[in-house]
Amino acid sequence: MTLATLKSIFIGVGGSMVLAGFCSTFIAIDKIIFIMPLFIAFNGAMTGYKIVELLKNKIMNMPLFSFVLGIGGGTITFVAVNFAGSLMKTVLPLNIYDLLIYMVVSGITSYLGAKLAVRYFNL
């Protein structure tokens, strides 16, 4: 169960970072930070969907578990964006409000992605 959880989290975080890296070739970094919640929303839904796909009937409280998993994914994405900004020697204007936005967006969309997967797999 732990390996499946980590796999689904890092699918969401990795997807957000790949989208941000791709967009950084033609969009300025400060604009990417502004649209990053959209990337996190899409990949948060992928996180929720993937956890249901991997674990199916092994989780009792799927909505809560997927929401908490999404919050973790948003937090790890925030840390990864800050780390990438420090590697590029740029000052990113990320603060605690950005962390809260990342967590809430990823948590809600992870819940919605899990709900979609439950309906798809008829669980």
N, C-alpha and C. Protein backbone atom coordinates (compact mmCIF):
# COMPACT_ATOMS: atom_id res chain seq x y z
N MET A 1 0.82 -1.19 0.00
CA MET A 1 0.00 0.00 0.00
C MET A 1 0.87 1.25 0.00
N THR A 2 1.97 1.23 0.73
CA THR A 2 2.84 2.40 0.80
C THR A 2 3.50 2.68 -0.55
N LEU A 3 3.93 1.64 -1.23
CA LEU A 3 4.56 1.83 -2.53
C LEU A 3 3.57 2.40 -3.55
N ALA A 4 2.34 1.94 -3.52
CA ALA A 4 1.32 2.47 -4.42
C ALA A 4 1.02 3.93 -4.11
N THR A 5 1.01 4.27 -2.84
CA THR A 5 0.77 5.65 -2.43
C THR A 5 1.89 6.57 -2.91
N LEU A 6 3.12 6.15 -2.69
CA LEU A 6 4.25 6.96 -3.15
C LEU A 6 4.28 7.08 -4.66
N LYS A 7 3.95 6.00 -5.34
CA LYS A 7 3.93 6.03 -6.80
C LYS A 7 2.90 7.03 -7.31
N SER A 8 1.71 7.04 -6.72
CA SER A 8 0.68 7.97 -7.18
C SER A 8 1.02 9.41 -6.83
N ILE A 9 1.64 9.65 -5.69
CA ILE A 9 2.05 11.01 -5.33
C ILE A 9 3.09 11.52 -6.32
N PHE A 10 4.09 10.70 -6.60
CA PHE A 10 5.17 11.17 -7.45
C PHE A 10 4.76 11.24 -8.92
N ILE A 11 3.71 10.55 -9.31
CA ILE A 11 3.15 10.76 -10.65
C ILE A 11 2.59 12.17 -10.74
N GLY A 12 1.88 12.61 -9.71
CA GLY A 12 1.33 13.96 -9.70
C GLY A 12 2.39 15.03 -9.60
N VAL A 13 3.35 14.86 -8.72
CA VAL A 13 4.42 15.85 -8.56
C VAL A 13 5.29 15.91 -9.81
N GLY A 14 5.65 14.74 -10.31
CA GLY A 14 6.48 14.69 -11.51
C GLY A 14 5.78 15.31 -12.71
N GLY A 15 4.49 15.05 -12.84
CA GLY A 15 3.74 15.64 -13.94
C GLY A 15 3.70 17.15 -13.85
N SER A 16 3.52 17.68 -12.66
CA SER A 16 3.51 19.14 -12.49
C SER A 16 4.86 19.74 -12.84
N MET A 17 5.93 19.08 -12.43
CA MET A 17 7.26 19.60 -12.71
C MET A 17 7.60 19.49 -14.20
N VAL A 18 7.16 18.42 -14.85
CA VAL A 18 7.41 18.28 -16.29
C VAL A 18 6.65 19.36 -17.06
N LEU A 19 5.40 19.60 -16.70
CA LEU A 19 4.64 20.66 -17.36
C LEU A 19 5.27 22.03 -17.14
N ALA A 20 5.73 22.28 -15.93
CA ALA A 20 6.38 23.57 -15.65
C ALA A 20 7.69 23.69 -16.42
N GLY A 21 8.46 22.62 -16.48
CA GLY A 21 9.70 22.64 -17.25
C GLY A 21 9.47 22.84 -18.73
N PHE A 22 8.46 22.19 -19.26
CA PHE A 22 8.13 22.36 -20.67
C PHE A 22 7.70 23.79 -20.96
N CYS A 23 6.85 24.34 -20.10
CA CYS A 23 6.36 25.70 -20.34
C CYS A 23 7.44 26.75 -20.11
N SER A 24 8.48 26.41 -19.34
CA SER A 24 9.54 27.39 -19.09
C SER A 24 10.37 27.66 -20.34
N THR A 25 10.22 26.84 -21.39
CA THR A 25 10.96 27.10 -22.62
C THR A 25 10.37 28.28 -23.40
N PHE A 26 9.10 28.57 -23.19
CA PHE A 26 8.50 29.67 -23.94
C PHE A 26 7.69 30.65 -23.09
N ILE A 27 7.65 30.45 -21.78
CA ILE A 27 6.95 31.37 -20.88
C ILE A 27 7.92 31.77 -19.77
N ALA A 28 7.85 33.00 -19.33
CA ALA A 28 8.71 33.48 -18.25
C ALA A 28 8.37 32.75 -16.94
N ILE A 29 9.37 32.63 -16.09
CA ILE A 29 9.22 31.89 -14.83
C ILE A 29 8.13 32.50 -13.95
N ASP A 30 8.05 33.81 -13.86
CA ASP A 30 7.02 34.41 -13.00
C ASP A 30 5.62 34.13 -13.51
N LYS A 31 5.44 33.95 -14.79
CA LYS A 31 4.13 33.58 -15.34
C LYS A 31 3.82 32.10 -15.05
N ILE A 32 4.84 31.28 -15.06
CA ILE A 32 4.64 29.86 -14.75
C ILE A 32 4.19 29.69 -13.30
N ILE A 33 4.77 30.47 -12.41
CA ILE A 33 4.36 30.41 -11.01
C ILE A 33 2.89 30.79 -10.88
N PHE A 34 2.43 31.73 -11.70
CA PHE A 34 1.03 32.15 -11.67
C PHE A 34 0.09 31.04 -12.15
N ILE A 35 0.49 30.26 -13.17
CA ILE A 35 -0.38 29.20 -13.70
C ILE A 35 -0.07 27.83 -13.11
N MET A 36 0.85 27.76 -12.19
CA MET A 36 1.21 26.47 -11.57
C MET A 36 0.02 25.78 -10.90
N PRO A 37 -0.92 26.48 -10.26
CA PRO A 37 -2.08 25.78 -9.70
C PRO A 37 -2.90 25.01 -10.73
N LEU A 38 -2.90 25.44 -11.97
CA LEU A 38 -3.59 24.67 -13.02
C LEU A 38 -2.88 23.34 -13.28
N PHE A 39 -1.56 23.38 -13.31
CA PHE A 39 -0.80 22.14 -13.48
C PHE A 39 -1.02 21.21 -12.30
N ILE A 40 -1.03 21.79 -11.11
CA ILE A 40 -1.22 21.00 -9.90
C ILE A 40 -2.63 20.41 -9.87
N ALA A 41 -3.61 21.16 -10.35
CA ALA A 41 -4.98 20.66 -10.37
C ALA A 41 -5.10 19.43 -11.27
N PHE A 42 -4.56 19.51 -12.45
CA PHE A 42 -4.63 18.38 -13.37
C PHE A 42 -3.90 17.16 -12.80
N ASN A 43 -2.71 17.38 -12.28
CA ASN A 43 -1.93 16.25 -11.77
C ASN A 43 -2.43 15.77 -10.41
N GLY A 44 -3.12 16.61 -9.67
CA GLY A 44 -3.78 16.15 -8.45
C GLY A 44 -4.90 15.17 -8.78
N ALA A 45 -5.64 15.47 -9.83
CA ALA A 45 -6.69 14.54 -10.27
C ALA A 45 -6.08 13.22 -10.73
N MET A 46 -4.95 13.29 -11.37
CA MET A 46 -4.25 12.06 -11.78
C MET A 46 -3.79 11.26 -10.57
N THR A 47 -3.38 11.94 -9.51
CA THR A 47 -2.97 11.27 -8.28
C THR A 47 -4.14 10.51 -7.67
N GLY A 48 -5.28 11.16 -7.56
CA GLY A 48 -6.47 10.50 -7.00
C GLY A 48 -6.92 9.33 -7.84
N TYR A 49 -6.91 9.49 -9.15
CA TYR A 49 -7.31 8.41 -10.05
C TYR A 49 -6.36 7.23 -9.93
N LYS A 50 -5.07 7.52 -9.89
CA LYS A 50 -4.06 6.45 -9.85
C LYS A 50 -4.13 5.66 -8.54
N ILE A 51 -4.40 6.32 -7.42
CA ILE A 51 -4.46 5.59 -6.16
C ILE A 51 -5.65 4.64 -6.15
N VAL A 52 -6.77 5.04 -6.74
CA VAL A 52 -7.92 4.14 -6.81
C VAL A 52 -7.62 3.00 -7.78
N GLU A 53 -6.97 3.31 -8.87
CA GLU A 53 -6.64 2.28 -9.85
C GLU A 53 -5.69 1.23 -9.26
N LEU A 54 -4.74 1.67 -8.44
CA LEU A 54 -3.77 0.74 -7.88
C LEU A 54 -4.31 -0.07 -6.72
N LEU A 55 -5.11 0.57 -5.86
CA LEU A 55 -5.53 -0.09 -4.62
C LEU A 55 -6.96 -0.61 -4.64
N LYS A 56 -7.79 -0.09 -5.50
CA LYS A 56 -9.20 -0.48 -5.66
C LYS A 56 -9.91 -0.71 -4.33
N ASN A 57 -10.06 -1.92 -3.84
CA ASN A 57 -10.88 -2.21 -2.66
C ASN A 57 -10.09 -2.28 -1.36
N LYS A 58 -8.83 -1.91 -1.36
CA LYS A 58 -8.01 -2.04 -0.16
C LYS A 58 -8.11 -0.84 0.79
N ILE A 59 -8.77 0.23 0.37
CA ILE A 59 -8.89 1.43 1.20
C ILE A 59 -10.34 1.57 1.65
N MET A 60 -10.53 1.78 2.94
CA MET A 60 -11.88 1.90 3.47
C MET A 60 -12.49 3.28 3.20
N ASN A 61 -11.78 4.35 3.53
CA ASN A 61 -12.31 5.70 3.40
C ASN A 61 -11.61 6.40 2.23
N MET A 62 -12.05 6.09 1.03
CA MET A 62 -11.39 6.60 -0.17
C MET A 62 -11.41 8.12 -0.29
N PRO A 63 -12.51 8.82 0.00
CA PRO A 63 -12.48 10.29 -0.15
C PRO A 63 -11.46 10.97 0.77
N LEU A 64 -11.41 10.56 2.01
CA LEU A 64 -10.46 11.16 2.95
C LEU A 64 -9.03 10.82 2.57
N PHE A 65 -8.79 9.56 2.22
CA PHE A 65 -7.44 9.13 1.86
C PHE A 65 -6.94 9.87 0.62
N SER A 66 -7.79 10.02 -0.39
CA SER A 66 -7.36 10.71 -1.61
C SER A 66 -7.15 12.20 -1.35
N PHE A 67 -7.97 12.80 -0.48
CA PHE A 67 -7.79 14.21 -0.14
C PHE A 67 -6.47 14.45 0.57
N VAL A 68 -6.16 13.60 1.54
CA VAL A 68 -4.90 13.73 2.28
C VAL A 68 -3.72 13.47 1.35
N LEU A 69 -3.86 12.51 0.46
CA LEU A 69 -2.82 12.22 -0.51
C LEU A 69 -2.60 13.42 -1.44
N GLY A 70 -3.67 14.07 -1.84
CA GLY A 70 -3.56 15.27 -2.67
C GLY A 70 -2.88 16.42 -1.94
N ILE A 71 -3.19 16.58 -0.66
CA ILE A 71 -2.52 17.62 0.14
C ILE A 71 -1.02 17.35 0.21
N GLY A 72 -0.66 16.10 0.39
CA GLY A 72 0.76 15.74 0.41
C GLY A 72 1.42 16.02 -0.93
N GLY A 73 0.72 15.72 -2.02
CA GLY A 73 1.26 16.00 -3.34
C GLY A 73 1.46 17.49 -3.59
N GLY A 74 0.51 18.30 -3.13
CA GLY A 74 0.65 19.75 -3.26
C GLY A 74 1.81 20.30 -2.45
N THR A 75 2.02 19.74 -1.27
CA THR A 75 3.13 20.16 -0.43
C THR A 75 4.47 19.79 -1.06
N ILE A 76 4.56 18.58 -1.57
CA ILE A 76 5.81 18.15 -2.20
C ILE A 76 6.08 18.97 -3.47
N THR A 77 5.03 19.32 -4.20
CA THR A 77 5.21 20.16 -5.38
C THR A 77 5.72 21.54 -4.99
N PHE A 78 5.20 22.09 -3.90
CA PHE A 78 5.67 23.39 -3.41
C PHE A 78 7.16 23.33 -3.07
N VAL A 79 7.56 22.27 -2.39
CA VAL A 79 8.97 22.10 -2.04
C VAL A 79 9.83 21.95 -3.30
N ALA A 80 9.33 21.18 -4.27
CA ALA A 80 10.09 20.97 -5.51
C ALA A 80 10.23 22.26 -6.31
N VAL A 81 9.18 23.07 -6.34
CA VAL A 81 9.25 24.35 -7.06
C VAL A 81 10.24 25.28 -6.37
N ASN A 82 10.22 25.33 -5.05
CA ASN A 82 11.19 26.16 -4.33
C ASN A 82 12.61 25.67 -4.55
N PHE A 83 12.80 24.35 -4.55
CA PHE A 83 14.13 23.79 -4.77
C PHE A 83 14.62 24.08 -6.18
N ALA A 84 13.73 23.94 -7.17
CA ALA A 84 14.11 24.24 -8.55
C ALA A 84 14.45 25.73 -8.71
N GLY A 85 13.72 26.58 -8.03
CA GLY A 85 14.02 28.01 -8.08
C GLY A 85 15.35 28.35 -7.45
N SER A 86 15.70 27.65 -6.38
CA SER A 86 17.00 27.90 -5.77
C SER A 86 18.14 27.37 -6.63
N LEU A 87 17.90 26.30 -7.38
CA LEU A 87 18.93 25.79 -8.29
C LEU A 87 19.16 26.73 -9.46
N MET A 88 18.09 27.39 -9.91
CA MET A 88 18.20 28.31 -11.04
C MET A 88 18.67 29.69 -10.60
N LYS A 89 18.90 29.88 -9.31
CA LYS A 89 19.36 31.15 -8.76
C LYS A 89 18.37 32.28 -9.02
N THR A 90 17.08 31.94 -9.02
CA THR A 90 16.06 32.97 -9.17
C THR A 90 15.29 33.08 -7.85
N VAL A 91 14.81 34.26 -7.59
CA VAL A 91 14.01 34.48 -6.39
C VAL A 91 12.55 34.29 -6.77
N LEU A 92 11.96 33.21 -6.29
CA LEU A 92 10.56 32.94 -6.58
C LEU A 92 9.69 33.56 -5.50
N PRO A 93 8.64 34.22 -5.88
CA PRO A 93 7.78 34.89 -4.89
C PRO A 93 6.77 33.92 -4.25
N LEU A 94 7.24 32.78 -3.76
CA LEU A 94 6.35 31.82 -3.12
C LEU A 94 6.33 32.04 -1.62
N ASN A 95 5.15 32.01 -1.04
CA ASN A 95 5.02 32.20 0.40
C ASN A 95 4.02 31.18 0.95
N ILE A 96 3.58 31.36 2.17
CA ILE A 96 2.70 30.41 2.83
C ILE A 96 1.33 30.35 2.14
N TYR A 97 0.90 31.45 1.54
CA TYR A 97 -0.39 31.44 0.84
C TYR A 97 -0.32 30.56 -0.41
N ASP A 98 0.82 30.58 -1.07
CA ASP A 98 0.99 29.69 -2.22
C ASP A 98 0.96 28.23 -1.79
N LEU A 99 1.58 27.95 -0.65
CA LEU A 99 1.55 26.59 -0.12
C LEU A 99 0.11 26.16 0.16
N LEU A 100 -0.67 27.02 0.77
CA LEU A 100 -2.06 26.70 1.06
C LEU A 100 -2.87 26.50 -0.23
N ILE A 101 -2.61 27.34 -1.23
CA ILE A 101 -3.31 27.18 -2.51
C ILE A 101 -2.94 25.87 -3.15
N TYR A 102 -1.66 25.52 -3.17
CA TYR A 102 -1.21 24.25 -3.75
C TYR A 102 -1.85 23.07 -3.03
N MET A 103 -1.91 23.14 -1.70
CA MET A 103 -2.48 22.04 -0.92
C MET A 103 -3.97 21.89 -1.17
N VAL A 104 -4.70 22.99 -1.15
CA VAL A 104 -6.15 22.93 -1.33
C VAL A 104 -6.51 22.49 -2.75
N VAL A 105 -5.85 23.06 -3.73
CA VAL A 105 -6.15 22.70 -5.12
C VAL A 105 -5.84 21.23 -5.37
N SER A 106 -4.68 20.79 -4.91
CA SER A 106 -4.31 19.39 -5.13
C SER A 106 -5.21 18.44 -4.33
N GLY A 107 -5.58 18.82 -3.12
CA GLY A 107 -6.45 17.98 -2.32
C GLY A 107 -7.83 17.81 -2.92
N ILE A 108 -8.42 18.91 -3.36
CA ILE A 108 -9.76 18.85 -3.94
C ILE A 108 -9.76 18.09 -5.25
N THR A 109 -8.80 18.36 -6.11
CA THR A 109 -8.79 17.66 -7.40
C THR A 109 -8.40 16.19 -7.25
N SER A 110 -7.61 15.87 -6.24
CA SER A 110 -7.31 14.47 -5.98
C SER A 110 -8.57 13.73 -5.53
N TYR A 111 -9.36 14.38 -4.70
CA TYR A 111 -10.64 13.80 -4.29
C TYR A 111 -11.54 13.58 -5.50
N LEU A 112 -11.60 14.58 -6.38
CA LEU A 112 -12.46 14.47 -7.57
C LEU A 112 -11.94 13.40 -8.53
N GLY A 113 -10.62 13.28 -8.65
CA GLY A 113 -10.05 12.23 -9.49
C GLY A 113 -10.34 10.85 -8.93
N ALA A 114 -10.30 10.71 -7.60
CA ALA A 114 -10.62 9.42 -6.96
C ALA A 114 -12.10 9.10 -7.15
N LYS A 115 -12.94 10.12 -7.04
CA LYS A 115 -14.38 9.90 -7.23
C LYS A 115 -14.68 9.46 -8.67
N LEU A 116 -13.97 10.05 -9.62
CA LEU A 116 -14.12 9.64 -11.01
C LEU A 116 -13.68 8.20 -11.21
N ALA A 117 -12.57 7.81 -10.59
CA ALA A 117 -12.08 6.44 -10.73
C ALA A 117 -13.03 5.44 -10.07
N VAL A 118 -13.61 5.81 -8.95
CA VAL A 118 -14.58 4.91 -8.29
C VAL A 118 -15.77 4.69 -9.19
N ARG A 119 -16.24 5.73 -9.84
CA ARG A 119 -17.37 5.56 -10.78
C ARG A 119 -16.96 4.76 -12.00
N TYR A 120 -15.75 4.96 -12.47
CA TYR A 120 -15.28 4.26 -13.66
C TYR A 120 -15.12 2.76 -13.41
N PHE A 121 -14.57 2.42 -12.25
CA PHE A 121 -14.33 1.01 -11.92
C PHE A 121 -15.53 0.36 -11.22
N ASN A 122 -16.62 1.08 -11.03
CA ASN A 122 -17.84 0.58 -10.37
C ASN A 122 -17.55 -0.01 -8.99
N LEU A 123 -16.84 0.76 -8.17
CA LEU A 123 -16.49 0.26 -6.83
C LEU A 123 -17.53 0.66 -5.82
